[in-house]
Amino acid sequence: MTASFAAPALNHVCDLFVDLDPIRTMGPGNAGLRRIIPIIGGTVTGPRLSGRILNLGADWQTIWANGVAELDTRYALETYDGATIEIRNYGYRHGPAEVIAAIARGEDVPHSAYYMRTQARLETGDPRYDWVNRTLFCGTGARRAGQVIISLYAVE
């Protein structure tokens, strides 16, 4: 017996413009080079979520021996109508060595030149946004000097 279901639809929820403090390198860990990038603010704009990113949280990265950056973030946003929503975002960034080096130097590299994808879970106690508690999200992103930009989509 086989089953073939239609691919789920993706609906744009918002764009996250995440402002970052400088990278704090921890050194080598069991899985690779460990880094912490503090999240210090930003904005959220979109058809279903809009507001500001709060000055808290961080991206706890591991850079594997093959150059893949494992992204593991936890932070929060405050909607313009006062709800607080936690974001837990996990993903990968990788690409040609020269592209990753240019990103590390703070150069503006087209997001199509490398792979940056995430899966996100959002959570809130605010009943107006209860739908985020039961929705899966995926994102595509780009790294800029001092900022990460992620377009977040609901998996319908």
N, C-alpha and C. Protein backbone atom coordinates (compact mmCIF):
# COMPACT_ATOMS: atom_id res chain seq x y z
N MET A 1 0.84 -1.17 0.00
CA MET A 1 0.00 0.00 0.00
C MET A 1 0.89 1.24 0.00
N THR A 2 0.55 2.21 -0.78
CA THR A 2 1.28 3.47 -0.83
C THR A 2 0.31 4.63 -0.70
N ALA A 3 0.83 5.72 -0.25
CA ALA A 3 0.04 6.95 -0.15
C ALA A 3 0.88 8.10 -0.68
N SER A 4 0.23 8.95 -1.41
CA SER A 4 0.91 10.13 -1.91
C SER A 4 -0.01 11.32 -1.69
N PHE A 5 0.34 12.12 -0.70
CA PHE A 5 -0.47 13.28 -0.36
C PHE A 5 0.10 14.52 -1.03
N ALA A 6 -0.74 15.48 -1.23
CA ALA A 6 -0.28 16.75 -1.81
C ALA A 6 0.69 17.44 -0.86
N ALA A 7 1.65 18.14 -1.41
CA ALA A 7 2.58 18.90 -0.59
C ALA A 7 1.82 19.99 0.16
N PRO A 8 2.21 20.26 1.40
CA PRO A 8 1.51 21.30 2.14
C PRO A 8 1.78 22.68 1.54
N ALA A 9 0.82 23.55 1.70
CA ALA A 9 0.98 24.93 1.24
C ALA A 9 1.79 25.71 2.27
N LEU A 10 2.50 26.72 1.80
CA LEU A 10 3.23 27.63 2.67
C LEU A 10 2.61 29.01 2.53
N ASN A 11 2.26 29.62 3.67
CA ASN A 11 1.69 30.96 3.66
C ASN A 11 2.59 31.90 4.44
N HIS A 12 2.94 33.02 3.82
CA HIS A 12 3.83 33.99 4.43
C HIS A 12 3.19 34.57 5.70
N VAL A 13 3.93 34.51 6.81
CA VAL A 13 3.47 35.02 8.09
C VAL A 13 4.11 36.37 8.39
N CYS A 14 5.44 36.44 8.22
CA CYS A 14 6.15 37.68 8.53
C CYS A 14 7.59 37.59 8.07
N ASP A 15 8.24 38.75 8.10
CA ASP A 15 9.68 38.84 7.90
C ASP A 15 10.29 39.31 9.21
N LEU A 16 11.31 38.60 9.66
CA LEU A 16 12.01 38.93 10.90
C LEU A 16 13.33 39.62 10.53
N PHE A 17 13.53 40.82 11.06
CA PHE A 17 14.78 41.55 10.88
C PHE A 17 15.45 41.55 12.26
N VAL A 18 16.33 40.59 12.48
CA VAL A 18 16.90 40.30 13.80
C VAL A 18 18.25 40.99 13.93
N ASP A 19 18.34 41.96 14.85
CA ASP A 19 19.60 42.68 15.08
C ASP A 19 20.48 41.90 16.05
N LEU A 20 21.78 41.89 15.75
CA LEU A 20 22.73 41.05 16.48
C LEU A 20 23.87 41.86 17.07
N ASP A 21 24.35 41.41 18.23
CA ASP A 21 25.61 41.89 18.79
C ASP A 21 26.73 41.10 18.12
N PRO A 22 27.98 41.50 18.31
CA PRO A 22 29.10 40.75 17.74
C PRO A 22 29.14 39.30 18.23
N ILE A 23 29.68 38.46 17.39
CA ILE A 23 29.82 37.03 17.70
C ILE A 23 30.76 36.83 18.87
N ARG A 24 30.39 35.96 19.79
CA ARG A 24 31.26 35.55 20.90
C ARG A 24 31.66 34.10 20.65
N THR A 25 32.92 33.90 20.34
CA THR A 25 33.41 32.56 20.04
C THR A 25 33.77 31.85 21.34
N MET A 26 33.22 30.65 21.52
CA MET A 26 33.50 29.85 22.71
C MET A 26 34.70 28.93 22.51
N GLY A 27 35.01 28.65 21.26
CA GLY A 27 36.08 27.70 20.96
C GLY A 27 35.51 26.38 20.52
N PRO A 28 36.39 25.39 20.36
CA PRO A 28 35.91 24.08 19.88
C PRO A 28 35.11 23.33 20.94
N GLY A 29 34.03 22.72 20.48
CA GLY A 29 33.22 21.86 21.33
C GLY A 29 33.22 20.46 20.74
N ASN A 30 32.41 19.59 21.28
CA ASN A 30 32.38 18.20 20.83
C ASN A 30 31.99 18.06 19.36
N ALA A 31 31.10 18.94 18.89
CA ALA A 31 30.58 18.82 17.52
C ALA A 31 31.20 19.82 16.55
N GLY A 32 32.00 20.77 17.06
CA GLY A 32 32.59 21.78 16.19
C GLY A 32 32.82 23.07 16.93
N LEU A 33 33.13 24.12 16.18
CA LEU A 33 33.37 25.44 16.76
C LEU A 33 32.07 26.00 17.31
N ARG A 34 32.08 26.41 18.58
CA ARG A 34 30.88 26.93 19.24
C ARG A 34 30.92 28.45 19.27
N ARG A 35 29.77 29.07 18.95
CA ARG A 35 29.64 30.52 18.96
C ARG A 35 28.30 30.92 19.56
N ILE A 36 28.26 32.08 20.18
CA ILE A 36 27.02 32.66 20.69
C ILE A 36 26.88 34.03 20.05
N ILE A 37 25.72 34.29 19.45
CA ILE A 37 25.45 35.59 18.84
C ILE A 37 24.23 36.17 19.56
N PRO A 38 24.44 37.16 20.44
CA PRO A 38 23.31 37.76 21.17
C PRO A 38 22.33 38.46 20.22
N ILE A 39 21.05 38.27 20.50
CA ILE A 39 19.98 38.93 19.77
C ILE A 39 19.56 40.15 20.57
N ILE A 40 19.66 41.34 19.96
CA ILE A 40 19.48 42.58 20.72
C ILE A 40 18.27 43.42 20.29
N GLY A 41 17.49 42.92 19.36
CA GLY A 41 16.30 43.66 18.93
C GLY A 41 15.99 43.39 17.48
N GLY A 42 15.15 44.27 16.91
CA GLY A 42 14.78 44.14 15.52
C GLY A 42 13.31 44.41 15.31
N THR A 43 12.86 44.11 14.10
CA THR A 43 11.46 44.34 13.77
C THR A 43 10.85 43.11 13.11
N VAL A 44 9.53 43.05 13.18
CA VAL A 44 8.75 41.98 12.57
C VAL A 44 7.68 42.66 11.74
N THR A 45 7.62 42.32 10.46
CA THR A 45 6.59 42.89 9.59
C THR A 45 5.97 41.78 8.77
N GLY A 46 4.66 41.81 8.63
CA GLY A 46 4.02 40.80 7.80
C GLY A 46 2.52 40.80 7.90
N PRO A 47 1.91 39.95 7.11
CA PRO A 47 0.45 39.91 7.07
C PRO A 47 -0.20 39.31 8.32
N ARG A 48 0.54 38.48 9.09
CA ARG A 48 -0.07 37.85 10.27
C ARG A 48 0.60 38.22 11.58
N LEU A 49 1.85 38.66 11.52
CA LEU A 49 2.57 39.09 12.73
C LEU A 49 3.35 40.36 12.42
N SER A 50 3.24 41.33 13.31
CA SER A 50 4.03 42.56 13.22
C SER A 50 4.36 43.03 14.62
N GLY A 51 5.54 43.60 14.78
CA GLY A 51 5.94 44.10 16.09
C GLY A 51 7.43 44.31 16.14
N ARG A 52 7.99 44.06 17.33
CA ARG A 52 9.43 44.26 17.51
C ARG A 52 10.03 43.05 18.18
N ILE A 53 11.29 42.79 17.85
CA ILE A 53 12.03 41.72 18.50
C ILE A 53 12.63 42.29 19.76
N LEU A 54 12.47 41.57 20.85
CA LEU A 54 12.94 42.04 22.14
C LEU A 54 14.45 41.85 22.29
N ASN A 55 15.05 42.65 23.15
CA ASN A 55 16.49 42.61 23.41
C ASN A 55 16.78 41.48 24.40
N LEU A 56 16.67 40.26 23.90
CA LEU A 56 16.98 39.07 24.70
C LEU A 56 17.12 37.89 23.76
N GLY A 57 17.78 36.89 24.22
CA GLY A 57 17.94 35.69 23.41
C GLY A 57 19.27 35.66 22.69
N ALA A 58 19.51 34.56 22.00
CA ALA A 58 20.77 34.39 21.27
C ALA A 58 20.65 33.26 20.27
N ASP A 59 21.60 33.23 19.36
CA ASP A 59 21.79 32.12 18.43
C ASP A 59 23.01 31.36 18.94
N TRP A 60 22.79 30.13 19.35
CA TRP A 60 23.87 29.26 19.85
C TRP A 60 24.29 28.38 18.68
N GLN A 61 25.35 28.78 18.00
CA GLN A 61 25.77 28.10 16.77
C GLN A 61 26.87 27.08 17.01
N THR A 62 26.85 26.07 16.16
CA THR A 62 27.97 25.15 16.05
C THR A 62 28.37 25.13 14.59
N ILE A 63 29.66 25.36 14.34
CA ILE A 63 30.19 25.29 12.97
C ILE A 63 30.87 23.93 12.84
N TRP A 64 30.28 23.09 12.02
CA TRP A 64 30.80 21.74 11.84
C TRP A 64 32.10 21.76 11.03
N ALA A 65 32.83 20.66 11.06
CA ALA A 65 34.10 20.56 10.33
C ALA A 65 33.92 20.77 8.83
N ASN A 66 32.75 20.44 8.28
CA ASN A 66 32.50 20.63 6.85
C ASN A 66 32.02 22.03 6.50
N GLY A 67 31.97 22.95 7.50
CA GLY A 67 31.59 24.33 7.26
C GLY A 67 30.13 24.66 7.46
N VAL A 68 29.29 23.66 7.70
CA VAL A 68 27.87 23.92 7.93
C VAL A 68 27.70 24.61 9.27
N ALA A 69 26.92 25.69 9.28
CA ALA A 69 26.57 26.37 10.53
C ALA A 69 25.23 25.83 11.00
N GLU A 70 25.23 25.20 12.16
CA GLU A 70 23.99 24.73 12.79
C GLU A 70 23.47 25.88 13.64
N LEU A 71 22.28 26.38 13.31
CA LEU A 71 21.69 27.55 13.95
C LEU A 71 20.67 27.08 14.98
N ASP A 72 20.77 27.59 16.19
CA ASP A 72 19.86 27.19 17.26
C ASP A 72 19.52 28.43 18.08
N THR A 73 18.41 29.08 17.75
CA THR A 73 18.08 30.36 18.35
C THR A 73 16.86 30.27 19.25
N ARG A 74 16.84 31.18 20.20
CA ARG A 74 15.68 31.34 21.07
C ARG A 74 15.58 32.81 21.45
N TYR A 75 14.45 33.42 21.13
CA TYR A 75 14.25 34.84 21.40
C TYR A 75 12.75 35.11 21.45
N ALA A 76 12.35 36.37 21.50
CA ALA A 76 10.93 36.69 21.60
C ALA A 76 10.61 37.95 20.83
N LEU A 77 9.35 38.04 20.44
CA LEU A 77 8.85 39.25 19.81
C LEU A 77 7.66 39.76 20.61
N GLU A 78 7.47 41.07 20.52
CA GLU A 78 6.29 41.70 21.09
C GLU A 78 5.49 42.28 19.93
N THR A 79 4.24 41.83 19.78
CA THR A 79 3.40 42.34 18.71
C THR A 79 3.01 43.78 19.01
N TYR A 80 2.58 44.49 17.98
CA TYR A 80 2.19 45.89 18.16
C TYR A 80 0.97 46.04 19.07
N ASP A 81 0.22 44.95 19.25
CA ASP A 81 -0.92 45.03 20.17
C ASP A 81 -0.62 44.39 21.53
N GLY A 82 0.66 44.18 21.84
CA GLY A 82 1.08 43.83 23.20
C GLY A 82 1.26 42.37 23.55
N ALA A 83 1.13 41.45 22.61
CA ALA A 83 1.36 40.03 22.92
C ALA A 83 2.85 39.72 22.86
N THR A 84 3.30 38.82 23.73
CA THR A 84 4.67 38.33 23.69
C THR A 84 4.66 36.92 23.11
N ILE A 85 5.51 36.69 22.11
CA ILE A 85 5.57 35.40 21.43
C ILE A 85 7.03 34.93 21.42
N GLU A 86 7.24 33.74 21.96
CA GLU A 86 8.57 33.13 21.93
C GLU A 86 8.82 32.50 20.57
N ILE A 87 10.06 32.62 20.09
CA ILE A 87 10.48 31.99 18.85
C ILE A 87 11.65 31.07 19.15
N ARG A 88 11.51 29.81 18.77
CA ARG A 88 12.61 28.85 18.81
C ARG A 88 12.85 28.43 17.36
N ASN A 89 14.01 28.78 16.85
CA ASN A 89 14.30 28.60 15.44
C ASN A 89 15.57 27.77 15.29
N TYR A 90 15.49 26.70 14.51
CA TYR A 90 16.62 25.79 14.31
C TYR A 90 16.83 25.64 12.81
N GLY A 91 18.08 25.66 12.37
CA GLY A 91 18.31 25.48 10.95
C GLY A 91 19.77 25.32 10.58
N TYR A 92 20.03 25.44 9.28
CA TYR A 92 21.37 25.29 8.73
C TYR A 92 21.69 26.43 7.76
N ARG A 93 22.96 26.83 7.76
CA ARG A 93 23.48 27.74 6.75
C ARG A 93 24.76 27.14 6.20
N HIS A 94 24.86 27.05 4.89
CA HIS A 94 26.09 26.56 4.26
C HIS A 94 26.14 27.04 2.81
N GLY A 95 27.31 26.98 2.26
CA GLY A 95 27.51 27.39 0.87
C GLY A 95 28.97 27.27 0.50
N PRO A 96 29.31 27.75 -0.69
CA PRO A 96 30.72 27.72 -1.10
C PRO A 96 31.58 28.48 -0.10
N ALA A 97 32.80 27.99 0.11
CA ALA A 97 33.70 28.57 1.11
C ALA A 97 33.91 30.06 0.91
N GLU A 98 34.05 30.50 -0.34
CA GLU A 98 34.28 31.93 -0.59
C GLU A 98 33.05 32.78 -0.26
N VAL A 99 31.87 32.22 -0.41
CA VAL A 99 30.64 32.94 -0.05
C VAL A 99 30.52 33.06 1.47
N ILE A 100 30.77 31.97 2.17
CA ILE A 100 30.70 31.99 3.64
C ILE A 100 31.76 32.93 4.21
N ALA A 101 32.95 32.97 3.60
CA ALA A 101 34.00 33.90 4.04
C ALA A 101 33.56 35.34 3.82
N ALA A 102 32.90 35.63 2.71
CA ALA A 102 32.42 36.99 2.45
C ALA A 102 31.36 37.39 3.47
N ILE A 103 30.48 36.48 3.83
CA ILE A 103 29.48 36.75 4.87
C ILE A 103 30.18 37.05 6.19
N ALA A 104 31.19 36.26 6.53
CA ALA A 104 31.93 36.46 7.78
C ALA A 104 32.63 37.82 7.82
N ARG A 105 33.01 38.35 6.66
CA ARG A 105 33.64 39.67 6.59
C ARG A 105 32.61 40.80 6.65
N GLY A 106 31.31 40.43 6.67
CA GLY A 106 30.26 41.43 6.72
C GLY A 106 29.82 41.95 5.37
N GLU A 107 30.23 41.27 4.31
CA GLU A 107 29.85 41.70 2.97
C GLU A 107 28.41 41.30 2.67
N ASP A 108 27.76 42.09 1.82
CA ASP A 108 26.38 41.80 1.41
C ASP A 108 26.42 40.77 0.29
N VAL A 109 25.99 39.55 0.59
CA VAL A 109 26.02 38.45 -0.36
C VAL A 109 24.58 38.10 -0.72
N PRO A 110 24.27 37.92 -2.00
CA PRO A 110 22.90 37.53 -2.36
C PRO A 110 22.49 36.25 -1.65
N HIS A 111 21.28 36.24 -1.10
CA HIS A 111 20.85 35.05 -0.34
C HIS A 111 20.75 33.81 -1.23
N SER A 112 20.66 33.99 -2.53
CA SER A 112 20.59 32.85 -3.44
C SER A 112 21.95 32.16 -3.60
N ALA A 113 23.03 32.77 -3.09
CA ALA A 113 24.38 32.21 -3.23
C ALA A 113 24.69 31.16 -2.17
N TYR A 114 23.81 30.98 -1.20
CA TYR A 114 24.04 30.00 -0.14
C TYR A 114 22.69 29.51 0.39
N TYR A 115 22.75 28.46 1.19
CA TYR A 115 21.56 27.83 1.75
C TYR A 115 21.40 28.29 3.19
N MET A 116 20.23 28.84 3.51
CA MET A 116 19.90 29.18 4.90
C MET A 116 18.41 28.91 5.08
N ARG A 117 18.11 27.82 5.78
CA ARG A 117 16.73 27.40 6.02
C ARG A 117 16.55 27.07 7.49
N THR A 118 15.33 27.32 7.97
CA THR A 118 15.04 27.07 9.38
C THR A 118 13.67 26.43 9.55
N GLN A 119 13.51 25.82 10.71
CA GLN A 119 12.19 25.37 11.17
C GLN A 119 11.94 26.07 12.50
N ALA A 120 10.77 26.60 12.67
CA ALA A 120 10.50 27.41 13.86
C ALA A 120 9.27 26.91 14.59
N ARG A 121 9.32 27.09 15.91
CA ARG A 121 8.16 26.87 16.77
C ARG A 121 7.91 28.17 17.52
N LEU A 122 6.69 28.61 17.50
CA LEU A 122 6.30 29.81 18.21
C LEU A 122 5.35 29.43 19.33
N GLU A 123 5.41 30.20 20.42
CA GLU A 123 4.53 29.90 21.55
C GLU A 123 4.15 31.19 22.25
N THR A 124 2.89 31.25 22.66
CA THR A 124 2.38 32.38 23.42
C THR A 124 1.24 31.93 24.33
N GLY A 125 1.00 32.71 25.37
CA GLY A 125 -0.16 32.50 26.22
C GLY A 125 -1.29 33.45 25.88
N ASP A 126 -1.07 34.33 24.91
CA ASP A 126 -2.07 35.32 24.52
C ASP A 126 -3.10 34.65 23.61
N PRO A 127 -4.37 34.63 24.01
CA PRO A 127 -5.40 33.92 23.21
C PRO A 127 -5.59 34.50 21.81
N ARG A 128 -5.24 35.75 21.60
CA ARG A 128 -5.38 36.34 20.26
C ARG A 128 -4.44 35.69 19.25
N TYR A 129 -3.36 35.11 19.74
CA TYR A 129 -2.37 34.50 18.86
C TYR A 129 -2.21 33.01 19.14
N ASP A 130 -3.23 32.40 19.68
CA ASP A 130 -3.17 30.97 20.01
C ASP A 130 -2.84 30.11 18.80
N TRP A 131 -3.18 30.57 17.61
CA TRP A 131 -2.91 29.81 16.40
C TRP A 131 -1.42 29.48 16.22
N VAL A 132 -0.51 30.32 16.77
CA VAL A 132 0.92 30.02 16.62
C VAL A 132 1.33 28.79 17.41
N ASN A 133 0.58 28.47 18.48
CA ASN A 133 0.91 27.33 19.33
C ASN A 133 0.66 25.99 18.64
N ARG A 134 -0.13 26.00 17.58
CA ARG A 134 -0.49 24.76 16.91
C ARG A 134 -0.18 24.78 15.41
N THR A 135 0.78 25.62 15.03
CA THR A 135 1.19 25.76 13.63
C THR A 135 2.68 25.49 13.51
N LEU A 136 3.07 24.77 12.47
CA LEU A 136 4.48 24.58 12.16
C LEU A 136 4.92 25.69 11.21
N PHE A 137 6.18 26.12 11.36
CA PHE A 137 6.71 27.20 10.56
C PHE A 137 8.04 26.79 9.94
N CYS A 138 8.32 27.30 8.76
CA CYS A 138 9.64 27.14 8.15
C CYS A 138 10.07 28.50 7.62
N GLY A 139 11.37 28.66 7.48
CA GLY A 139 11.87 29.96 7.05
C GLY A 139 13.02 29.84 6.09
N THR A 140 13.22 30.90 5.36
CA THR A 140 14.38 31.05 4.51
C THR A 140 15.02 32.38 4.88
N GLY A 141 16.34 32.42 4.87
CA GLY A 141 16.96 33.61 5.42
C GLY A 141 18.23 34.05 4.75
N ALA A 142 18.77 35.12 5.30
CA ALA A 142 20.02 35.70 4.84
C ALA A 142 20.75 36.32 6.03
N ARG A 143 22.07 36.28 5.98
CA ARG A 143 22.91 36.89 7.02
C ARG A 143 23.49 38.16 6.46
N ARG A 144 23.31 39.24 7.17
CA ARG A 144 23.87 40.54 6.82
C ARG A 144 24.80 40.97 7.95
N ALA A 145 25.57 42.02 7.76
CA ALA A 145 26.43 42.54 8.82
C ALA A 145 25.53 43.03 9.95
N GLY A 146 25.63 42.39 11.11
CA GLY A 146 24.87 42.80 12.28
C GLY A 146 23.40 42.44 12.25
N GLN A 147 22.98 41.62 11.30
CA GLN A 147 21.55 41.31 11.20
C GLN A 147 21.32 40.00 10.45
N VAL A 148 20.25 39.32 10.86
CA VAL A 148 19.73 38.18 10.12
C VAL A 148 18.32 38.54 9.67
N ILE A 149 17.99 38.18 8.44
CA ILE A 149 16.64 38.39 7.92
C ILE A 149 16.05 37.03 7.61
N ILE A 150 14.86 36.76 8.14
CA ILE A 150 14.19 35.48 7.90
C ILE A 150 12.77 35.74 7.46
N SER A 151 12.38 35.15 6.34
CA SER A 151 10.99 35.14 5.92
C SER A 151 10.37 33.86 6.48
N LEU A 152 9.36 34.03 7.33
CA LEU A 152 8.74 32.90 8.03
C LEU A 152 7.42 32.55 7.38
N TYR A 153 7.19 31.24 7.17
CA TYR A 153 6.00 30.73 6.50
C TYR A 153 5.31 29.70 7.39
N ALA A 154 3.98 29.76 7.42
CA ALA A 154 3.20 28.74 8.10
C ALA A 154 3.03 27.56 7.14
N VAL A 155 3.23 26.35 7.67
CA VAL A 155 3.00 25.13 6.90
C VAL A 155 1.53 24.78 7.11
N GLU A 156 0.75 24.92 6.06
CA GLU A 156 -0.71 24.70 6.16
C GLU A 156 -1.08 23.27 5.85
